[in-house]
């Protein structure tokens, strides 16, 4: 079950980061920065709650 959680979080992180890159390329810098911050939160938050 632990491996399933880690894989799911990894896939969500990659997808969200990719969305941030897409926003950055479309010259929406503020939105991209917000999405990158969300990605960072997705990476850090599980260490306090799930894992």
Protein backbone atom coordinates (compact mmCIF):
# COMPACT_ATOMS: atom_id res chain seq x y z
CA UNK A 1 0.00 0.00 0.00
CA UNK A 2 2.88 2.35 0.77
CA UNK A 3 4.30 1.87 -2.73
CA UNK A 4 0.90 2.66 -4.28
CA UNK A 5 0.74 5.93 -2.34
CA UNK A 6 4.26 6.93 -3.38
CA UNK A 7 3.60 6.13 -7.04
CA UNK A 8 0.32 8.08 -6.98
CA UNK A 9 1.97 11.11 -5.40
CA UNK A 10 4.80 10.94 -7.93
CA UNK A 11 2.38 10.85 -10.87
CA UNK A 12 0.34 13.75 -9.49
CA UNK A 13 3.54 15.75 -8.96
CA UNK A 14 4.81 15.11 -12.49
CA UNK A 15 1.43 16.04 -14.01
CA UNK A 16 1.17 19.24 -11.96
CA UNK A 17 4.74 20.25 -12.79
CA UNK A 18 4.04 19.65 -16.48
CA UNK A 19 1.00 21.90 -16.24
CA UNK A 20 3.19 24.59 -14.66
CA UNK A 21 5.67 24.32 -17.53
CA UNK A 22 2.81 24.67 -20.02
CA UNK A 23 1.61 27.82 -18.27
CA UNK A 24 5.14 29.20 -18.27
CA UNK A 25 5.47 28.66 -22.02
CA UNK A 26 2.15 30.43 -22.57
CA UNK A 27 3.58 33.53 -20.84
CA UNK A 28 1.36 33.17 -17.76
CA UNK A 29 4.19 33.57 -15.28
CA UNK A 30 2.14 34.29 -12.13
CA UNK A 31 -0.09 31.25 -12.67
CA UNK A 32 2.95 29.11 -13.40
CA UNK A 33 4.64 30.24 -10.19
CA UNK A 34 1.48 29.36 -8.24
CA UNK A 35 1.42 25.89 -9.81
CA UNK A 36 5.12 25.38 -9.04
CA UNK A 37 4.41 26.33 -5.43
CA UNK A 38 1.56 23.81 -5.43
CA UNK A 39 3.94 21.17 -6.79
CA UNK A 40 6.42 21.92 -4.03
CA UNK A 41 3.62 21.58 -1.48
CA UNK A 42 2.62 18.22 -2.98
CA UNK A 43 6.21 17.04 -2.55
CA UNK A 44 6.68 18.24 1.04
CA UNK A 45 3.25 17.78 2.65
CA UNK A 46 3.10 13.95 2.62
CA UNK A 47 6.12 13.77 4.90
CA UNK A 48 4.01 15.37 7.62
CA UNK A 49 0.77 13.45 7.10
CA UNK A 50 0.79 10.31 4.94
CA UNK A 51 4.33 8.96 5.22
